[in-house]
Amino acid sequence: MTIRILGEENSVLNRFLFELRDVEIQKDPMRFRRNMERMGEIFAYEISKTFRYESQDVTTPLGTLTMNLPKDKIVLSSILRAGLPLHQGLLNFFDNAQNAFVGSYRKYHKDNTFEIKSGYLTSPPMAGKVLILSDPMLASGASLLLAYKDLCEEDEPIHTHLVTAIAARDGIEYIQAHLGAKNVTLWAAAVDDELTAKSYIVPGLGDAGDLAYGEKLE
């Protein structure tokens, strides 16, 4: 698995990430969603550099020229509900992509432990396509791995891009251990070192789904 951490380079992405983390700025849900969406657009631009390209002629009012255009067929997928703003940013650039959605949740036990369960899936076939799977927070890695397995149960894509705003180092190691040498690239804006017993990233930014769409019932 290849890993790309975009926040290690100086760019405007770090401004959006700063505002997503800031406890005062993130009180504005619309701004939180828009910043996550803009990060998705930046990820999309960087991911587009990895695609296969082919030549195509275009006719302008004054002539004809040949340009290189992406030829890969793309499937965008996100984990409901927190992944929607990041997904939208990717879709803004890959507007002809097919889309898939995965619903997952934490099932808590009496001892306060939990397991990740999937409850919803809608997806086109993956064979011969590039999958871009986005989730704003890669904490333990369990939900992202489960989503990947659900999406690829019938067919595997030719390449998978996992996109997240903030990843925990433990989560990255978990994904690496379970996906091995598959054709996968992990894209993150930042990597945080600490993961709590309840799988919350520290310093992280809090609950991305709640910040984007409001509090939910546990």
C-alpha atoms as a PDB file:
ATOM      1  CA  MET A   1       0.000   0.000   0.000  1.00  0.00           C
ATOM      2  CA  THR A   2       1.238   3.432  -0.955  1.00  0.00           C
ATOM      3  CA  ILE A   3       0.719   6.287   1.523  1.00  0.00           C
ATOM      4  CA  ARG A   4       0.470   9.984   0.597  1.00  0.00           C
ATOM      5  CA  ILE A   5       0.245  12.618   3.356  1.00  0.00           C
ATOM      6  CA  LEU A   6      -0.615  15.903   1.635  1.00  0.00           C
ATOM      7  CA  GLY A   7      -0.369  18.020   4.793  1.00  0.00           C
ATOM      8  CA  GLU A   8       3.384  17.414   4.918  1.00  0.00           C
ATOM      9  CA  GLU A   9       3.685  19.856   2.007  1.00  0.00           C
ATOM     10  CA  ASN A  10       2.868  23.546   2.381  1.00  0.00           C
ATOM     11  CA  SER A  11      -0.414  24.303   0.609  1.00  0.00           C
ATOM     12  CA  VAL A  12      -3.820  25.875   1.197  1.00  0.00           C
ATOM     13  CA  LEU A  13      -5.033  22.438   2.294  1.00  0.00           C
ATOM     14  CA  ASN A  14      -3.472  23.136   5.689  1.00  0.00           C
ATOM     15  CA  ARG A  15      -5.679  26.220   6.099  1.00  0.00           C
ATOM     16  CA  PHE A  16      -8.796  24.108   5.560  1.00  0.00           C
ATOM     17  CA  LEU A  17      -7.501  21.461   7.974  1.00  0.00           C
ATOM     18  CA  PHE A  18      -6.712  24.145  10.585  1.00  0.00           C
ATOM     19  CA  GLU A  19     -10.287  25.434  10.402  1.00  0.00           C
ATOM     20  CA  LEU A  20     -11.728  21.904  10.581  1.00  0.00           C
ATOM     21  CA  ARG A  21      -9.798  21.302  13.809  1.00  0.00           C
ATOM     22  CA  ASP A  22     -10.451  24.706  15.421  1.00  0.00           C
ATOM     23  CA  VAL A  23     -13.005  24.313  18.212  1.00  0.00           C
ATOM     24  CA  GLU A  24     -14.486  27.777  17.562  1.00  0.00           C
ATOM     25  CA  ILE A  25     -14.580  27.754  13.747  1.00  0.00           C
ATOM     26  CA  GLN A  26     -16.116  24.271  13.635  1.00  0.00           C
ATOM     27  CA  LYS A  27     -19.198  25.592  15.458  1.00  0.00           C
ATOM     28  CA  ASP A  28     -20.402  26.710  12.034  1.00  0.00           C
ATOM     29  CA  PRO A  29     -21.672  23.480  10.385  1.00  0.00           C
ATOM     30  CA  MET A  30     -21.875  25.018   6.919  1.00  0.00           C
ATOM     31  CA  ARG A  31     -18.267  26.152   7.062  1.00  0.00           C
ATOM     32  CA  PHE A  32     -17.211  22.740   8.393  1.00  0.00           C
ATOM     33  CA  ARG A  33     -18.945  20.972   5.510  1.00  0.00           C
ATOM     34  CA  ARG A  34     -17.507  23.370   2.944  1.00  0.00           C
ATOM     35  CA  ASN A  35     -13.952  23.001   4.272  1.00  0.00           C
ATOM     36  CA  MET A  36     -14.267  19.220   4.109  1.00  0.00           C
ATOM     37  CA  GLU A  37     -15.649  19.542   0.584  1.00  0.00           C
ATOM     38  CA  ARG A  38     -12.739  21.741  -0.481  1.00  0.00           C
ATOM     39  CA  MET A  39     -10.304  19.175   0.887  1.00  0.00           C
ATOM     40  CA  GLY A  40     -12.059  16.586  -1.261  1.00  0.00           C
ATOM     41  CA  GLU A  41     -11.454  18.772  -4.298  1.00  0.00           C
ATOM     42  CA  ILE A  42      -7.740  18.971  -3.503  1.00  0.00           C
ATOM     43  CA  PHE A  43      -7.539  15.205  -3.064  1.00  0.00           C
ATOM     44  CA  ALA A  44      -9.336  14.767  -6.395  1.00  0.00           C
ATOM     45  CA  TYR A  45      -6.816  16.942  -8.210  1.00  0.00           C
ATOM     46  CA  GLU A  46      -3.875  15.005  -6.757  1.00  0.00           C
ATOM     47  CA  ILE A  47      -5.469  11.612  -7.422  1.00  0.00           C
ATOM     48  CA  SER A  48      -6.163  12.590 -11.040  1.00  0.00           C
ATOM     49  CA  LYS A  49      -2.405  12.646 -11.651  1.00  0.00           C
ATOM     50  CA  THR A  50      -2.299   8.875 -11.100  1.00  0.00           C
ATOM     51  CA  PHE A  51      -4.900   7.953 -13.746  1.00  0.00           C
ATOM     52  CA  ARG A  52      -4.284   6.494 -17.166  1.00  0.00           C
ATOM     53  CA  TYR A  53      -4.709   8.987 -19.997  1.00  0.00           C
ATOM     54  CA  GLU A  54      -5.516   8.833 -23.706  1.00  0.00           C
ATOM     55  CA  SER A  55      -5.420  11.343 -26.539  1.00  0.00           C
ATOM     56  CA  GLN A  56      -8.602  12.925 -27.815  1.00  0.00           C
ATOM     57  CA  ASP A  57      -9.183  15.612 -30.434  1.00  0.00           C
ATOM     58  CA  VAL A  58     -11.204  18.693 -29.556  1.00  0.00           C
ATOM     59  CA  THR A  59     -12.585  21.196 -32.053  1.00  0.00           C
ATOM     60  CA  THR A  60     -12.574  24.845 -31.014  1.00  0.00           C
ATOM     61  CA  PRO A  61     -14.153  27.765 -32.934  1.00  0.00           C
ATOM     62  CA  LEU A  62     -10.736  28.303 -34.578  1.00  0.00           C
ATOM     63  CA  GLY A  63      -9.265  24.855 -35.079  1.00  0.00           C
ATOM     64  CA  THR A  64      -8.577  21.372 -33.770  1.00  0.00           C
ATOM     65  CA  LEU A  65      -5.996  20.111 -31.291  1.00  0.00           C
ATOM     66  CA  THR A  66      -5.201  16.918 -29.397  1.00  0.00           C
ATOM     67  CA  MET A  67      -5.403  16.738 -25.606  1.00  0.00           C
ATOM     68  CA  ASN A  68      -4.767  14.029 -23.031  1.00  0.00           C
ATOM     69  CA  LEU A  69      -7.836  13.070 -21.000  1.00  0.00           C
ATOM     70  CA  PRO A  70      -8.317  10.520 -18.195  1.00  0.00           C
ATOM     71  CA  LYS A  71      -9.649   7.205 -19.494  1.00  0.00           C
ATOM     72  CA  ASP A  72     -10.225   5.358 -16.211  1.00  0.00           C
ATOM     73  CA  LYS A  73     -13.791   4.653 -15.138  1.00  0.00           C
ATOM     74  CA  ILE A  74     -14.260   5.881 -11.560  1.00  0.00           C
ATOM     75  CA  VAL A  75     -16.488   4.816  -8.691  1.00  0.00           C
ATOM     76  CA  LEU A  76     -16.732   7.244  -5.775  1.00  0.00           C
ATOM     77  CA  SER A  77     -17.844   5.785  -2.469  1.00  0.00           C
ATOM     78  CA  SER A  78     -18.309   7.208   1.005  1.00  0.00           C
ATOM     79  CA  ILE A  79     -19.331   5.915   4.413  1.00  0.00           C
ATOM     80  CA  LEU A  80     -22.600   7.474   5.566  1.00  0.00           C
ATOM     81  CA  ARG A  81     -23.095  10.027   6.969  1.00  0.00           C
ATOM     82  CA  ALA A  82     -19.810  11.677   7.884  1.00  0.00           C
ATOM     83  CA  GLY A  83     -18.244  10.960   4.498  1.00  0.00           C
ATOM     84  CA  LEU A  84     -20.743  12.968   2.446  1.00  0.00           C
ATOM     85  CA  PRO A  85     -18.985  16.393   2.359  1.00  0.00           C
ATOM     86  CA  LEU A  86     -15.637  14.806   1.426  1.00  0.00           C
ATOM     87  CA  HIS A  87     -17.443  12.702  -1.185  1.00  0.00           C
ATOM     88  CA  GLN A  88     -19.057  15.830  -2.632  1.00  0.00           C
ATOM     89  CA  GLY A  89     -15.673  17.484  -3.043  1.00  0.00           C
ATOM     90  CA  LEU A  90     -14.406  14.499  -5.011  1.00  0.00           C
ATOM     91  CA  LEU A  91     -17.609  14.445  -7.077  1.00  0.00           C
ATOM     92  CA  ASN A  92     -17.206  18.142  -7.921  1.00  0.00           C
ATOM     93  CA  PHE A  93     -14.103  17.192  -9.919  1.00  0.00           C
ATOM     94  CA  PHE A  94     -15.038  13.660 -11.013  1.00  0.00           C
ATOM     95  CA  ASP A  95     -18.540  14.650 -12.063  1.00  0.00           C
ATOM     96  CA  ASN A  96     -18.961  11.725 -14.480  1.00  0.00           C
ATOM     97  CA  ALA A  97     -18.084   9.099 -11.861  1.00  0.00           C
ATOM     98  CA  GLN A  98     -20.424   6.392 -10.685  1.00  0.00           C
ATOM     99  CA  ASN A  99     -21.292   6.478  -6.987  1.00  0.00           C
ATOM    100  CA  ALA A 100     -21.571   3.951  -4.169  1.00  0.00           C
ATOM    101  CA  PHE A 101     -22.651   4.406  -0.553  1.00  0.00           C
ATOM    102  CA  VAL A 102     -21.993   2.319   2.534  1.00  0.00           C
ATOM    103  CA  GLY A 103     -23.808   2.556   5.864  1.00  0.00           C
ATOM    104  CA  SER A 104     -21.923   1.358   8.938  1.00  0.00           C
ATOM    105  CA  TYR A 105     -22.286   1.839  12.678  1.00  0.00           C
ATOM    106  CA  ARG A 106     -20.754   0.955  16.022  1.00  0.00           C
ATOM    107  CA  LYS A 107     -22.589  -1.792  17.913  1.00  0.00           C
ATOM    108  CA  TYR A 108     -21.745  -1.302  21.597  1.00  0.00           C
ATOM    109  CA  HIS A 109     -21.665  -4.122  24.146  1.00  0.00           C
ATOM    110  CA  LYS A 110     -22.338  -4.022  27.892  1.00  0.00           C
ATOM    111  CA  ASP A 111     -18.615  -3.921  28.666  1.00  0.00           C
ATOM    112  CA  ASN A 112     -18.367  -0.680  26.627  1.00  0.00           C
ATOM    113  CA  THR A 113     -16.534  -2.400  23.782  1.00  0.00           C
ATOM    114  CA  PHE A 114     -17.933  -2.208  20.273  1.00  0.00           C
ATOM    115  CA  GLU A 115     -17.741  -3.759  16.853  1.00  0.00           C
ATOM    116  CA  ILE A 116     -18.299  -2.235  13.420  1.00  0.00           C
ATOM    117  CA  LYS A 117     -21.396  -3.426  11.581  1.00  0.00           C
ATOM    118  CA  SER A 118     -22.530  -2.616   8.051  1.00  0.00           C
ATOM    119  CA  GLY A 119     -26.191  -1.855   7.504  1.00  0.00           C
ATOM    120  CA  TYR A 120     -26.533  -0.528   3.961  1.00  0.00           C
ATOM    121  CA  LEU A 121     -24.773  -0.838   0.612  1.00  0.00           C
ATOM    122  CA  THR A 122     -25.547   0.386  -2.887  1.00  0.00           C
ATOM    123  CA  SER A 123     -22.832   0.086  -5.510  1.00  0.00           C
ATOM    124  CA  PRO A 124     -22.164  -0.433  -9.213  1.00  0.00           C
ATOM    125  CA  PRO A 125     -19.848  -3.282 -10.327  1.00  0.00           C
ATOM    126  CA  MET A 126     -16.151  -2.655  -9.587  1.00  0.00           C
ATOM    127  CA  ALA A 127     -14.471  -4.730 -12.281  1.00  0.00           C
ATOM    128  CA  GLY A 128     -12.134  -2.663 -14.485  1.00  0.00           C
ATOM    129  CA  LYS A 129     -12.721   0.542 -12.516  1.00  0.00           C
ATOM    130  CA  VAL A 130     -10.872   2.791 -10.077  1.00  0.00           C
ATOM    131  CA  LEU A 131     -12.471   2.962  -6.627  1.00  0.00           C
ATOM    132  CA  ILE A 132     -12.110   6.132  -4.524  1.00  0.00           C
ATOM    133  CA  LEU A 133     -13.393   5.401  -1.013  1.00  0.00           C
ATOM    134  CA  SER A 134     -13.589   8.388   1.342  1.00  0.00           C
ATOM    135  CA  ASP A 135     -14.119   8.685   5.096  1.00  0.00           C
ATOM    136  CA  PRO A 136     -13.086  11.862   6.937  1.00  0.00           C
ATOM    137  CA  MET A 137     -11.536  10.070   9.936  1.00  0.00           C
ATOM    138  CA  LEU A 138      -9.436   6.904   9.764  1.00  0.00           C
ATOM    139  CA  ALA A 139      -9.373   5.892  13.434  1.00  0.00           C
ATOM    140  CA  SER A 140      -9.087   2.154  14.103  1.00  0.00           C
ATOM    141  CA  GLY A 141      -9.441   1.391  10.389  1.00  0.00           C
ATOM    142  CA  ALA A 142     -12.192  -1.181  10.997  1.00  0.00           C
ATOM    143  CA  SER A 143     -15.044   0.696   9.280  1.00  0.00           C
ATOM    144  CA  LEU A 144     -12.942   1.592   6.223  1.00  0.00           C
ATOM    145  CA  LEU A 145     -11.753  -2.001   5.838  1.00  0.00           C
ATOM    146  CA  LEU A 146     -15.301  -3.340   6.203  1.00  0.00           C
ATOM    147  CA  ALA A 147     -16.556  -0.880   3.575  1.00  0.00           C
ATOM    148  CA  TYR A 148     -13.769  -1.905   1.212  1.00  0.00           C
ATOM    149  CA  LYS A 149     -14.607  -5.605   1.623  1.00  0.00           C
ATOM    150  CA  ASP A 150     -18.330  -4.990   1.099  1.00  0.00           C
ATOM    151  CA  LEU A 151     -17.719  -2.947  -2.053  1.00  0.00           C
ATOM    152  CA  CYS A 152     -15.265  -5.451  -3.516  1.00  0.00           C
ATOM    153  CA  GLU A 153     -17.088  -8.648  -2.578  1.00  0.00           C
ATOM    154  CA  GLU A 154     -18.056  -9.444  -6.184  1.00  0.00           C
ATOM    155  CA  ASP A 155     -15.248  -7.776  -8.178  1.00  0.00           C
ATOM    156  CA  GLU A 156     -12.028  -5.988  -7.305  1.00  0.00           C
ATOM    157  CA  PRO A 157     -11.205  -2.612  -8.867  1.00  0.00           C
ATOM    158  CA  ILE A 158      -7.966  -2.144 -10.776  1.00  0.00           C
ATOM    159  CA  HIS A 159      -6.873   0.344  -8.097  1.00  0.00           C
ATOM    160  CA  THR A 160      -8.332   1.732  -4.886  1.00  0.00           C
ATOM    161  CA  HIS A 161      -7.697   5.177  -3.396  1.00  0.00           C
ATOM    162  CA  LEU A 162      -8.608   5.544   0.292  1.00  0.00           C
ATOM    163  CA  VAL A 163      -9.155   9.209   1.158  1.00  0.00           C
ATOM    164  CA  THR A 164      -9.289  10.638   4.684  1.00  0.00           C
ATOM    165  CA  ALA A 165      -8.791  14.032   6.278  1.00  0.00           C
ATOM    166  CA  ILE A 166      -7.120  12.763   9.463  1.00  0.00           C
ATOM    167  CA  ALA A 167      -5.709   9.295  10.060  1.00  0.00           C
ATOM    168  CA  ALA A 168      -4.526   7.702  13.278  1.00  0.00           C
ATOM    169  CA  ARG A 169      -1.211   5.914  12.996  1.00  0.00           C
ATOM    170  CA  ASP A 170      -2.809   2.768  14.468  1.00  0.00           C
ATOM    171  CA  GLY A 171      -5.491   2.877  11.787  1.00  0.00           C
ATOM    172  CA  ILE A 172      -2.925   3.107   9.004  1.00  0.00           C
ATOM    173  CA  GLU A 173      -1.066   0.110  10.407  1.00  0.00           C
ATOM    174  CA  TYR A 174      -4.332  -1.845  10.637  1.00  0.00           C
ATOM    175  CA  ILE A 175      -5.192  -1.135   6.994  1.00  0.00           C
ATOM    176  CA  GLN A 176      -1.665  -2.027   5.900  1.00  0.00           C
ATOM    177  CA  ALA A 177      -1.776  -5.329   7.776  1.00  0.00           C
ATOM    178  CA  HIS A 178      -5.095  -6.392   6.259  1.00  0.00           C
ATOM    179  CA  LEU A 179      -4.738  -5.145   2.691  1.00  0.00           C
ATOM    180  CA  GLY A 180      -1.113  -6.147   2.248  1.00  0.00           C
ATOM    181  CA  ALA A 181       0.221  -5.636  -1.265  1.00  0.00           C
ATOM    182  CA  LYS A 182      -3.114  -4.860  -2.940  1.00  0.00           C
ATOM    183  CA  ASN A 183      -3.280  -1.999  -5.439  1.00  0.00           C
ATOM    184  CA  VAL A 184      -4.231   0.582  -2.818  1.00  0.00           C
ATOM    185  CA  THR A 185      -3.139   4.166  -2.160  1.00  0.00           C
ATOM    186  CA  LEU A 186      -4.018   5.884   1.101  1.00  0.00           C
ATOM    187  CA  TRP A 187      -4.379   9.668   0.932  1.00  0.00           C
ATOM    188  CA  ALA A 188      -4.521  11.718   4.146  1.00  0.00           C
ATOM    189  CA  ALA A 189      -4.177  15.369   5.025  1.00  0.00           C
ATOM    190  CA  ALA A 190      -2.617  14.574   8.423  1.00  0.00           C
ATOM    191  CA  VAL A 191      -1.616  11.677  10.660  1.00  0.00           C
ATOM    192  CA  ASP A 192      -2.188  11.934  14.429  1.00  0.00           C
ATOM    193  CA  ASP A 193      -0.375   9.652  16.858  1.00  0.00           C
ATOM    194  CA  GLU A 194      -2.942   9.046  19.600  1.00  0.00           C
ATOM    195  CA  LEU A 195      -6.054   6.864  19.542  1.00  0.00           C
ATOM    196  CA  THR A 196      -8.233   6.574  22.650  1.00  0.00           C
ATOM    197  CA  ALA A 197      -9.743   3.344  24.010  1.00  0.00           C
ATOM    198  CA  LYS A 198     -13.015   4.326  22.307  1.00  0.00           C
ATOM    199  CA  SER A 199     -11.186   4.833  18.977  1.00  0.00           C
ATOM    200  CA  TYR A 200     -11.262   8.624  18.898  1.00  0.00           C
ATOM    201  CA  ILE A 201      -8.302  10.360  17.275  1.00  0.00           C
ATOM    202  CA  VAL A 202      -6.337  12.849  19.403  1.00  0.00           C
ATOM    203  CA  PRO A 203      -5.996  15.742  18.731  1.00  0.00           C
ATOM    204  CA  GLY A 204      -8.224  14.938  15.755  1.00  0.00           C
ATOM    205  CA  LEU A 205     -11.218  17.248  15.340  1.00  0.00           C
ATOM    206  CA  GLY A 206     -14.091  15.551  17.164  1.00  0.00           C
ATOM    207  CA  ASP A 207     -17.017  13.717  15.565  1.00  0.00           C
ATOM    208  CA  ALA A 208     -17.058  14.717  11.892  1.00  0.00           C
ATOM    209  CA  GLY A 209     -20.621  13.510  11.344  1.00  0.00           C
ATOM    210  CA  ASP A 210     -21.980  15.493  14.281  1.00  0.00           C
ATOM    211  CA  LEU A 211     -20.058  18.613  13.288  1.00  0.00           C
ATOM    212  CA  ALA A 212     -21.378  18.421   9.736  1.00  0.00           C
ATOM    213  CA  TYR A 213     -24.990  17.379  10.373  1.00  0.00           C
ATOM    214  CA  GLY A 214     -25.814  17.657  14.082  1.00  0.00           C
ATOM    215  CA  GLU A 215     -25.826  15.300  17.042  1.00  0.00           C
ATOM    216  CA  LYS A 216     -27.189  11.782  16.671  1.00  0.00           C
ATOM    217  CA  LEU A 217     -28.720   9.201  18.976  1.00  0.00           C
ATOM    218  CA  GLU A 218     -26.173   6.707  20.277  1.00  0.00           C
END
